[in-house]
């Protein structure tokens, strides 16, 4: 999921600022996972699967199909940098109970 957000997030205006907030051990782990999955990729299957997913989404009234995913990425990444929104959501969560 993180890989998807990073790959789709490259289009965002504040992408580099967001990436700089990720700790080095996390980046190292992401690279390790990417390297592993790169050895298993099949571009032809990936292309067909992408088209099938796009048709599935459009059939289910998601007009933009897989392009709509970028809107979700934009929303999540914008939320992660919006301190006012985070405070609003955080204020709705019940207070944490400390173990006794």
N, C-alpha and C. Protein backbone atom coordinates (compact mmCIF):
# COMPACT_ATOMS: atom_id res chain seq x y z
N UNK A 1 0.82 -1.19 0.00
CA UNK A 1 0.00 0.00 0.00
C UNK A 1 0.87 1.26 0.00
N UNK A 2 1.92 1.24 0.80
CA UNK A 2 2.81 2.41 0.85
C UNK A 2 3.43 2.63 -0.52
N UNK A 3 3.86 1.54 -1.18
CA UNK A 3 4.45 1.66 -2.51
C UNK A 3 3.48 2.31 -3.48
N UNK A 4 2.21 1.91 -3.40
CA UNK A 4 1.21 2.49 -4.30
C UNK A 4 1.08 3.99 -4.05
N UNK A 5 1.00 4.36 -2.80
CA UNK A 5 0.86 5.78 -2.48
C UNK A 5 2.08 6.57 -2.94
N UNK A 6 3.26 6.00 -2.76
CA UNK A 6 4.46 6.71 -3.20
C UNK A 6 4.51 6.84 -4.72
N UNK A 7 4.15 5.78 -5.42
CA UNK A 7 4.20 5.85 -6.88
C UNK A 7 3.14 6.81 -7.42
N UNK A 8 1.94 6.78 -6.87
CA UNK A 8 0.88 7.68 -7.32
C UNK A 8 1.11 9.11 -6.81
N UNK A 9 1.74 9.21 -5.67
CA UNK A 9 1.95 10.52 -5.05
C UNK A 9 2.95 11.39 -5.76
N UNK A 10 3.73 10.82 -6.65
CA UNK A 10 4.74 11.62 -7.38
C UNK A 10 4.11 12.80 -8.12
N UNK A 11 2.83 12.71 -8.42
CA UNK A 11 2.14 13.79 -9.14
C UNK A 11 1.77 14.96 -8.23
N UNK A 12 1.85 14.76 -6.93
CA UNK A 12 1.42 15.80 -5.99
C UNK A 12 2.44 16.93 -5.91
N UNK A 13 1.94 18.12 -5.68
CA UNK A 13 2.83 19.28 -5.60
C UNK A 13 3.76 19.23 -4.39
N UNK A 14 3.34 18.59 -3.30
CA UNK A 14 4.15 18.56 -2.08
C UNK A 14 4.78 17.18 -1.84
N UNK A 15 4.95 16.41 -2.92
CA UNK A 15 5.46 15.05 -2.79
C UNK A 15 6.81 14.99 -2.08
N UNK A 16 7.76 15.82 -2.48
CA UNK A 16 9.10 15.75 -1.88
C UNK A 16 9.06 16.09 -0.39
N UNK A 17 8.20 17.01 0.00
CA UNK A 17 8.06 17.34 1.43
C UNK A 17 7.55 16.14 2.22
N UNK A 18 6.59 15.43 1.64
CA UNK A 18 6.02 14.26 2.31
C UNK A 18 7.05 13.14 2.43
N UNK A 19 7.80 12.90 1.37
CA UNK A 19 8.80 11.83 1.38
C UNK A 19 9.88 12.11 2.42
N UNK A 20 10.25 13.37 2.58
CA UNK A 20 11.28 13.72 3.56
C UNK A 20 10.83 13.47 5.00
N UNK A 21 9.55 13.28 5.22
CA UNK A 21 9.04 12.99 6.56
C UNK A 21 9.12 11.50 6.92
N UNK A 22 9.44 10.67 5.93
CA UNK A 22 9.51 9.22 6.16
C UNK A 22 10.88 8.88 6.71
N UNK A 23 10.92 8.15 7.81
CA UNK A 23 12.18 7.79 8.46
C UNK A 23 12.99 6.83 7.59
N UNK A 24 14.32 6.92 7.68
CA UNK A 24 15.21 6.11 6.85
C UNK A 24 14.96 4.61 6.96
N UNK A 25 14.75 4.03 8.15
CA UNK A 25 14.48 2.59 8.20
C UNK A 25 13.22 2.19 7.40
N UNK A 26 12.24 3.07 7.35
CA UNK A 26 11.03 2.79 6.57
C UNK A 26 11.36 2.80 5.08
N UNK A 27 12.13 3.79 4.64
CA UNK A 27 12.55 3.88 3.24
C UNK A 27 13.36 2.64 2.87
N UNK A 28 14.26 2.23 3.74
CA UNK A 28 15.07 1.03 3.48
C UNK A 28 14.19 -0.21 3.32
N UNK A 29 13.18 -0.31 4.16
CA UNK A 29 12.26 -1.45 4.08
C UNK A 29 11.44 -1.41 2.79
N UNK A 30 10.99 -0.25 2.42
CA UNK A 30 10.23 -0.09 1.17
C UNK A 30 11.08 -0.53 -0.01
N UNK A 31 12.33 -0.11 -0.03
CA UNK A 31 13.23 -0.49 -1.14
C UNK A 31 13.45 -2.00 -1.18
N UNK A 32 13.57 -2.61 -0.02
CA UNK A 32 13.77 -4.06 0.05
C UNK A 32 12.54 -4.79 -0.53
N UNK A 33 11.36 -4.34 -0.15
CA UNK A 33 10.12 -4.95 -0.65
C UNK A 33 9.99 -4.73 -2.16
N UNK A 34 10.29 -3.52 -2.63
CA UNK A 34 10.22 -3.22 -4.06
C UNK A 34 11.16 -4.13 -4.85
N UNK A 35 12.35 -4.31 -4.34
CA UNK A 35 13.34 -5.16 -5.02
C UNK A 35 12.82 -6.60 -5.12
N UNK A 36 12.23 -7.09 -4.04
CA UNK A 36 11.68 -8.45 -4.03
C UNK A 36 10.58 -8.60 -5.09
N UNK A 37 9.62 -7.69 -5.09
CA UNK A 37 8.49 -7.80 -6.01
C UNK A 37 8.89 -7.53 -7.45
N UNK A 38 9.95 -6.75 -7.65
CA UNK A 38 10.42 -6.47 -9.02
C UNK A 38 10.86 -7.76 -9.71
N UNK A 39 11.39 -8.68 -8.95
CA UNK A 39 11.83 -9.96 -9.54
C UNK A 39 10.65 -10.83 -9.95
N UNK A 40 9.47 -10.56 -9.42
CA UNK A 40 8.28 -11.37 -9.70
C UNK A 40 7.33 -10.72 -10.71
N UNK A 41 7.64 -9.52 -11.15
CA UNK A 41 6.73 -8.79 -12.05
C UNK A 41 6.67 -9.41 -13.44
N UNK A 42 5.49 -9.34 -14.00
CA UNK A 42 5.28 -9.72 -15.39
C UNK A 42 4.48 -8.58 -16.01
N UNK A 43 5.13 -7.80 -16.84
CA UNK A 43 4.51 -6.58 -17.37
C UNK A 43 3.25 -6.86 -18.18
N UNK A 44 3.22 -7.96 -18.91
CA UNK A 44 2.03 -8.27 -19.71
C UNK A 44 0.84 -8.59 -18.81
N UNK A 45 1.06 -9.39 -17.78
CA UNK A 45 -0.02 -9.73 -16.85
C UNK A 45 -0.47 -8.47 -16.11
N UNK A 46 0.49 -7.65 -15.72
CA UNK A 46 0.18 -6.40 -15.01
C UNK A 46 -0.69 -5.48 -15.88
N UNK A 47 -0.37 -5.42 -17.17
CA UNK A 47 -1.12 -4.58 -18.10
C UNK A 47 -2.56 -5.08 -18.24
N UNK A 48 -2.73 -6.39 -18.42
CA UNK A 48 -4.06 -6.97 -18.56
C UNK A 48 -4.86 -6.81 -17.27
N UNK A 49 -4.21 -7.06 -16.13
CA UNK A 49 -4.89 -6.92 -14.84
C UNK A 49 -5.34 -5.48 -14.62
N UNK A 50 -4.51 -4.52 -15.01
CA UNK A 50 -4.88 -3.11 -14.88
C UNK A 50 -6.10 -2.76 -15.71
N UNK A 51 -6.14 -3.28 -16.95
CA UNK A 51 -7.29 -3.02 -17.82
C UNK A 51 -8.55 -3.67 -17.25
N UNK A 52 -8.41 -4.89 -16.73
CA UNK A 52 -9.57 -5.58 -16.14
C UNK A 52 -10.10 -4.81 -14.94
N UNK A 53 -9.19 -4.33 -14.10
CA UNK A 53 -9.59 -3.56 -12.92
C UNK A 53 -10.28 -2.26 -13.34
N UNK A 54 -9.76 -1.62 -14.37
CA UNK A 54 -10.36 -0.39 -14.88
C UNK A 54 -11.79 -0.64 -15.36
N UNK A 55 -11.98 -1.70 -16.14
CA UNK A 55 -13.32 -2.05 -16.64
C UNK A 55 -14.25 -2.38 -15.48
N UNK A 56 -13.75 -3.13 -14.51
CA UNK A 56 -14.56 -3.49 -13.33
C UNK A 56 -15.04 -2.23 -12.61
N UNK A 57 -14.14 -1.30 -12.38
CA UNK A 57 -14.51 -0.07 -11.67
C UNK A 57 -15.52 0.75 -12.47
N UNK A 58 -15.29 0.88 -13.76
CA UNK A 58 -16.21 1.66 -14.60
C UNK A 58 -17.58 0.99 -14.67
N UNK A 59 -17.60 -0.33 -14.69
CA UNK A 59 -18.86 -1.07 -14.68
C UNK A 59 -19.63 -0.81 -13.39
N UNK A 60 -18.90 -0.56 -12.31
CA UNK A 60 -19.51 -0.29 -11.01
C UNK A 60 -19.63 1.20 -10.72
N UNK A 61 -19.78 1.97 -11.81
CA UNK A 61 -20.08 3.39 -11.74
C UNK A 61 -18.97 4.28 -11.16
N UNK A 62 -17.73 3.80 -11.22
CA UNK A 62 -16.59 4.66 -10.90
C UNK A 62 -16.12 5.19 -12.24
N UNK A 63 -16.63 6.37 -12.62
CA UNK A 63 -16.47 6.88 -13.98
C UNK A 63 -15.03 6.94 -14.46
N UNK A 64 -14.12 7.33 -13.60
CA UNK A 64 -12.72 7.47 -14.01
C UNK A 64 -11.94 6.16 -13.91
N UNK A 65 -12.56 5.12 -13.41
CA UNK A 65 -11.86 3.84 -13.29
C UNK A 65 -10.66 3.93 -12.38
N UNK A 66 -9.53 3.35 -12.81
CA UNK A 66 -8.35 3.35 -11.94
C UNK A 66 -7.76 4.74 -11.75
N UNK A 67 -8.08 5.67 -12.64
CA UNK A 67 -7.61 7.05 -12.45
C UNK A 67 -8.22 7.66 -11.19
N UNK A 68 -9.36 7.13 -10.75
CA UNK A 68 -10.00 7.64 -9.54
C UNK A 68 -9.14 7.37 -8.31
N UNK A 69 -8.27 6.36 -8.37
CA UNK A 69 -7.39 6.06 -7.25
C UNK A 69 -6.49 7.25 -6.91
N UNK A 70 -6.09 8.01 -7.93
CA UNK A 70 -5.25 9.16 -7.67
C UNK A 70 -5.95 10.16 -6.77
N UNK A 71 -7.27 10.30 -6.93
CA UNK A 71 -8.03 11.19 -6.07
C UNK A 71 -7.97 10.76 -4.61
N UNK A 72 -7.99 9.45 -4.39
CA UNK A 72 -7.89 8.93 -3.02
C UNK A 72 -6.50 9.21 -2.47
N UNK A 73 -5.48 8.98 -3.27
CA UNK A 73 -4.10 9.24 -2.84
C UNK A 73 -3.96 10.72 -2.49
N UNK A 74 -4.47 11.59 -3.34
CA UNK A 74 -4.41 13.03 -3.10
C UNK A 74 -5.08 13.38 -1.77
N UNK A 75 -6.27 12.83 -1.54
CA UNK A 75 -7.01 13.11 -0.31
C UNK A 75 -6.21 12.66 0.92
N UNK A 76 -5.70 11.45 0.91
CA UNK A 76 -4.98 10.92 2.08
C UNK A 76 -3.71 11.73 2.33
N UNK A 77 -2.96 12.02 1.28
CA UNK A 77 -1.72 12.77 1.46
C UNK A 77 -1.99 14.21 1.89
N UNK A 78 -3.03 14.81 1.36
CA UNK A 78 -3.39 16.16 1.81
C UNK A 78 -3.79 16.14 3.28
N UNK A 79 -4.55 15.13 3.67
CA UNK A 79 -4.97 15.01 5.06
C UNK A 79 -3.76 14.87 5.98
N UNK A 80 -2.74 14.11 5.53
CA UNK A 80 -1.57 13.87 6.38
C UNK A 80 -0.80 15.15 6.66
N UNK A 81 -0.97 16.16 5.83
CA UNK A 81 -0.26 17.42 6.05
C UNK A 81 -1.17 18.53 6.58
N UNK A 82 -2.44 18.21 6.79
CA UNK A 82 -3.41 19.20 7.25
C UNK A 82 -3.58 19.06 8.77
N UNK A 83 -2.84 19.86 9.52
CA UNK A 83 -2.87 19.74 10.97
C UNK A 83 -4.24 20.08 11.56
N UNK A 84 -4.98 20.97 10.92
CA UNK A 84 -6.33 21.32 11.42
C UNK A 84 -7.24 20.10 11.30
N UNK A 85 -7.21 19.42 10.17
CA UNK A 85 -8.05 18.23 9.98
C UNK A 85 -7.65 17.13 10.95
N UNK A 86 -6.36 16.96 11.17
CA UNK A 86 -5.89 15.93 12.09
C UNK A 86 -6.36 16.21 13.51
N UNK A 87 -6.33 17.47 13.92
CA UNK A 87 -6.79 17.82 15.26
C UNK A 87 -8.28 17.57 15.39
N UNK A 88 -9.03 17.88 14.33
CA UNK A 88 -10.48 17.67 14.34
C UNK A 88 -10.80 16.19 14.50
N UNK A 89 -10.14 15.34 13.74
CA UNK A 89 -10.38 13.89 13.83
C UNK A 89 -9.88 13.37 15.17
N UNK A 90 -8.73 13.85 15.61
CA UNK A 90 -8.17 13.41 16.89
C UNK A 90 -9.07 13.76 18.06
N UNK A 91 -9.79 14.87 17.97
CA UNK A 91 -10.67 15.28 19.06
C UNK A 91 -11.91 14.40 19.16
N UNK A 92 -12.24 13.67 18.10
CA UNK A 92 -13.41 12.78 18.11
C UNK A 92 -13.10 11.41 18.69
N UNK A 93 -11.82 11.09 18.78
CA UNK A 93 -11.45 9.77 19.28
C UNK A 93 -11.49 9.76 20.80
N UNK A 94 -11.97 8.66 21.40
CA UNK A 94 -12.02 8.60 22.86
C UNK A 94 -10.61 8.62 23.44
N UNK A 95 -10.51 9.15 24.62
CA UNK A 95 -9.22 9.21 25.30
C UNK A 95 -8.72 7.81 25.57
N UNK A 96 -7.41 7.64 25.45
CA UNK A 96 -6.78 6.35 25.70
C UNK A 96 -6.74 6.05 27.18
N UNK A 97 -7.08 4.85 27.53
CA UNK A 97 -7.01 4.43 28.93
C UNK A 97 -5.66 3.77 29.18
N UNK A 98 -4.95 4.24 30.17
CA UNK A 98 -3.66 3.65 30.54
C UNK A 98 -3.91 2.39 31.35
N UNK A 99 -3.13 1.33 31.08
CA UNK A 99 -3.29 0.11 31.88
C UNK A 99 -2.96 0.37 33.35
N UNK A 100 -3.71 -0.29 34.22
CA UNK A 100 -3.49 -0.06 35.66
C UNK A 100 -2.71 -1.19 36.26
